Amino acid sequence: MKTIKVLVLVMAMASFVFCGVAQAVTAKKAVFIIAHEGFQDDEFALPKAALEKNGIEVDVASTELTDAVGMNGSHTQPDILLKDVNVMNYDAVVFIGGSGAQVYIGDPLAGKIAQDAITTNKVVGAICIAPMILAKAGVLQGKKATVYPAQGQNLAACSVNYTAKPVEIDGNIITADGPGSAAEFGEVLSKEILSR
């Protein structure tokens, strides 16, 4: 009888350990790419909170590891340098807008990250002016997307189907038009990441 109790206890412990390992392996992870100066505070904070609420880990990437400063004065500490981002380590790559995000439009490194994310079928997100990063990288050609309204014509000029919706989804690409849509953007991102 004692042997059976020990065996049951060992099996229970093994099951607990296995489940813990399985959960760790299936944990979802995203990287948010922000400008070191001038990222849009709400477009960063609200989607990040939505993902974390849904159990998705978020790394923050930028061009420097010192405190990044938002347009409205918020601070955040990047986890990783942009040059060290490996899309294979993430389920989603998200470009955050704000005036500072213009530095990534046409940037070869940002463009390569976007292209790598698309070719490896990751969830790709961009908000505010950041969909222009995707457009200049060539990953939005023929796709439905939205952008900050002042950039609508520029987006359409890149052979993109500009819909002017607050949040737009085309396959694994999710775009949003600005801070007013940041919370919805976060929820849509979370749903898409968790569905994979």
Protein backbone atom coordinates (compact mmCIF):
# COMPACT_ATOMS: atom_id res chain seq x y z
CA MET A 1 0.00 0.00 0.00
CA LYS A 2 2.87 2.34 0.88
CA THR A 3 4.46 1.65 -2.53
CA ILE A 4 1.21 2.60 -4.31
CA LYS A 5 0.97 5.89 -2.38
CA VAL A 6 4.59 6.75 -3.27
CA LEU A 7 3.95 5.84 -6.92
CA VAL A 8 0.82 8.05 -7.04
CA LEU A 9 2.77 10.91 -5.45
CA VAL A 10 5.63 10.55 -7.95
CA MET A 11 3.17 10.47 -10.88
CA ALA A 12 1.39 13.56 -9.57
CA MET A 13 4.70 15.42 -9.23
CA ALA A 14 5.77 14.36 -12.74
CA SER A 15 2.46 15.56 -14.14
CA PHE A 16 2.87 18.94 -12.38
CA VAL A 17 6.42 19.36 -13.70
CA PHE A 18 5.38 18.34 -17.23
CA CYS A 19 2.46 20.78 -17.24
CA GLY A 20 4.75 23.55 -16.03
CA VAL A 21 7.21 22.82 -18.83
CA ALA A 22 4.41 22.66 -21.40
CA GLN A 23 3.10 26.04 -20.27
CA ALA A 24 6.57 27.57 -20.43
CA VAL A 25 7.07 26.26 -23.97
CA THR A 26 3.75 27.62 -25.22
CA ALA A 27 4.07 31.08 -23.62
CA LYS A 28 3.47 33.74 -26.27
CA LYS A 29 5.89 36.62 -26.72
CA ALA A 30 5.86 39.90 -28.66
CA VAL A 31 8.41 42.61 -29.32
CA PHE A 32 7.35 46.27 -29.41
CA ILE A 33 9.65 48.47 -31.48
CA ILE A 34 9.68 52.07 -30.28
CA ALA A 35 11.58 55.23 -31.14
CA HIS A 36 14.13 56.13 -28.47
CA GLU A 37 12.68 59.64 -28.43
CA GLY A 38 9.12 60.55 -29.34
CA PHE A 39 7.19 57.27 -29.25
CA GLN A 40 3.45 57.80 -28.68
CA ASP A 41 2.79 57.04 -25.01
CA ASP A 42 -0.75 55.60 -25.26
CA GLU A 43 0.04 53.64 -28.42
CA PHE A 44 2.79 51.94 -26.43
CA ALA A 45 1.21 51.58 -22.98
CA LEU A 46 -2.34 50.49 -23.87
CA PRO A 47 -1.50 47.66 -26.30
CA LYS A 48 1.32 46.50 -24.00
CA ALA A 49 -1.13 46.33 -21.08
CA ALA A 50 -3.66 44.44 -23.23
CA LEU A 51 -1.09 41.82 -24.27
CA GLU A 52 0.24 41.37 -20.74
CA LYS A 53 -3.31 41.06 -19.39
CA ASN A 54 -3.74 38.17 -21.82
CA GLY A 55 -0.55 36.46 -20.62
CA ILE A 56 1.63 37.54 -23.55
CA GLU A 57 5.15 38.63 -22.65
CA VAL A 58 6.35 41.89 -24.22
CA ASP A 59 9.96 42.88 -24.91
CA VAL A 60 10.69 46.48 -25.86
CA ALA A 61 13.26 47.18 -28.59
CA SER A 62 14.83 50.50 -29.53
CA THR A 63 18.07 51.93 -30.90
CA GLU A 64 19.46 52.50 -27.39
CA LEU A 65 19.05 50.76 -24.04
CA THR A 66 18.90 53.97 -22.00
CA ASP A 67 15.51 55.38 -20.96
CA ALA A 68 13.28 55.97 -23.96
CA VAL A 69 11.04 59.04 -23.70
CA GLY A 70 7.54 59.33 -25.10
CA MET A 71 5.95 62.38 -26.73
CA ASN A 72 3.93 63.01 -23.56
CA GLY A 73 6.86 62.48 -21.20
CA SER A 74 6.51 58.83 -20.16
CA HIS A 75 9.70 56.80 -19.78
CA THR A 76 10.38 53.16 -20.49
CA GLN A 77 13.52 51.03 -20.38
CA PRO A 78 14.10 49.05 -23.61
CA ASP A 79 14.98 45.37 -23.14
CA ILE A 80 16.83 44.83 -26.39
CA LEU A 81 18.59 46.80 -29.11
CA LEU A 82 16.83 46.95 -32.46
CA LYS A 83 19.90 45.41 -34.14
CA ASP A 84 19.60 42.36 -31.87
CA VAL A 85 15.93 41.60 -32.59
CA ASN A 86 15.52 38.07 -33.94
CA VAL A 87 11.94 37.62 -35.13
CA MET A 88 12.19 33.86 -34.55
CA ASN A 89 12.12 34.57 -30.80
CA TYR A 90 8.68 36.18 -31.03
CA ASP A 91 5.10 35.41 -32.01
CA ALA A 92 4.49 39.06 -32.93
CA VAL A 93 6.43 42.13 -34.02
CA VAL A 94 4.72 45.46 -33.31
CA PHE A 95 5.84 48.90 -34.49
CA ILE A 96 4.66 51.73 -32.23
CA GLY A 97 3.92 55.17 -33.66
CA GLY A 98 4.59 58.71 -32.55
CA SER A 99 6.63 61.49 -34.15
CA GLY A 100 9.88 59.66 -33.38
CA ALA A 101 8.80 56.58 -35.36
CA GLN A 102 9.60 58.47 -38.58
CA VAL A 103 13.25 57.42 -38.11
CA TYR A 104 12.22 53.85 -38.97
CA ILE A 105 10.42 54.74 -42.23
CA GLY A 106 12.74 53.53 -44.97
CA ASP A 107 15.28 52.33 -42.40
CA PRO A 108 16.93 49.13 -43.75
CA LEU A 109 17.07 47.39 -40.36
CA ALA A 110 13.44 48.12 -39.45
CA GLY A 111 12.45 47.08 -42.96
CA LYS A 112 14.32 43.79 -42.69
CA ILE A 113 12.65 43.03 -39.35
CA ALA A 114 9.24 43.67 -40.92
CA GLN A 115 10.08 41.50 -43.94
CA ASP A 116 11.45 38.68 -41.76
CA ALA A 117 8.31 38.77 -39.61
CA ILE A 118 6.10 38.48 -42.69
CA THR A 119 8.11 35.68 -44.31
CA THR A 120 8.05 33.66 -41.08
CA ASN A 121 4.28 34.23 -40.69
CA LYS A 122 4.47 36.17 -37.42
CA VAL A 123 1.71 38.55 -36.34
CA VAL A 124 2.79 42.01 -37.49
CA GLY A 125 1.31 45.17 -36.01
CA ALA A 126 1.77 48.88 -36.62
CA ILE A 127 -0.08 51.91 -35.28
CA CYS A 128 -0.32 55.61 -36.14
CA ILE A 129 2.50 56.56 -38.54
CA ALA A 130 4.17 53.14 -38.13
CA PRO A 131 2.21 51.42 -40.94
CA MET A 132 4.40 53.57 -43.22
CA ILE A 133 7.37 51.56 -41.93
CA LEU A 134 5.65 48.41 -43.20
CA ALA A 135 4.67 50.09 -46.48
CA LYS A 136 8.21 51.28 -47.20
CA ALA A 137 9.46 47.76 -46.39
CA GLY A 138 7.17 46.48 -49.14
CA VAL A 139 5.09 44.19 -46.93
CA LEU A 140 1.76 46.02 -47.34
CA GLN A 141 1.62 45.99 -51.14
CA GLY A 142 -1.92 44.98 -52.19
CA LYS A 143 -2.99 44.63 -48.54
CA LYS A 144 -5.74 46.41 -46.62
CA ALA A 145 -4.30 48.74 -43.99
CA THR A 146 -4.95 51.91 -42.06
CA VAL A 147 -2.65 54.67 -40.81
CA TYR A 148 -2.71 58.05 -39.08
CA PRO A 149 -5.14 60.03 -41.30
CA ALA A 150 -2.54 62.62 -42.37
CA GLN A 151 -0.53 59.73 -43.89
CA GLY A 152 -3.45 58.16 -45.77
CA GLN A 153 -2.41 59.40 -49.22
CA ASN A 154 1.21 58.38 -48.62
CA LEU A 155 0.09 54.88 -47.64
CA ALA A 156 -2.13 54.57 -50.71
CA ALA A 157 0.79 55.73 -52.88
CA CYS A 158 2.69 52.60 -51.77
CA SER A 159 0.11 50.35 -53.53
CA VAL A 160 -1.73 49.76 -50.25
CA ASN A 161 -5.52 49.53 -49.98
CA TYR A 162 -5.97 52.34 -47.42
CA THR A 163 -9.28 51.73 -45.62
CA ALA A 164 -9.21 54.60 -43.06
CA LYS A 165 -10.67 52.28 -40.41
CA PRO A 166 -9.58 52.71 -36.76
CA VAL A 167 -8.17 49.15 -36.80
CA GLU A 168 -7.66 47.02 -39.90
CA ILE A 169 -6.80 43.33 -40.21
CA ASP A 170 -5.45 41.66 -43.34
CA GLY A 171 -4.28 38.13 -42.60
CA ASN A 172 -1.53 38.32 -40.00
CA ILE A 173 -1.10 42.11 -40.38
CA ILE A 174 -2.91 44.45 -37.98
CA THR A 175 -2.76 48.22 -38.39
CA ALA A 176 -4.37 51.05 -36.42
CA ASP A 177 -4.79 54.79 -36.99
CA GLY A 178 -3.62 56.37 -33.75
CA PRO A 179 -3.85 56.73 -29.97
CA GLY A 180 -7.66 56.71 -29.92
CA SER A 181 -7.57 53.15 -31.28
CA ALA A 182 -4.68 51.93 -29.11
CA ALA A 183 -6.79 49.89 -26.67
CA GLU A 184 -8.71 48.16 -29.49
CA PHE A 185 -5.44 47.59 -31.35
CA GLY A 186 -4.07 45.82 -28.27
CA GLU A 187 -7.10 43.58 -27.93
CA VAL A 188 -7.08 42.65 -31.63
CA LEU A 189 -3.35 41.90 -31.45
CA SER A 190 -3.87 39.73 -28.36
CA LYS A 191 -6.66 37.76 -29.99
CA GLU A 192 -4.61 37.11 -33.13
CA ILE A 193 -1.49 36.11 -31.19
CA LEU A 194 -3.41 33.74 -28.91
CA SER A 195 -5.23 32.13 -31.86
CA ARG A 196 -1.96 30.79 -33.27
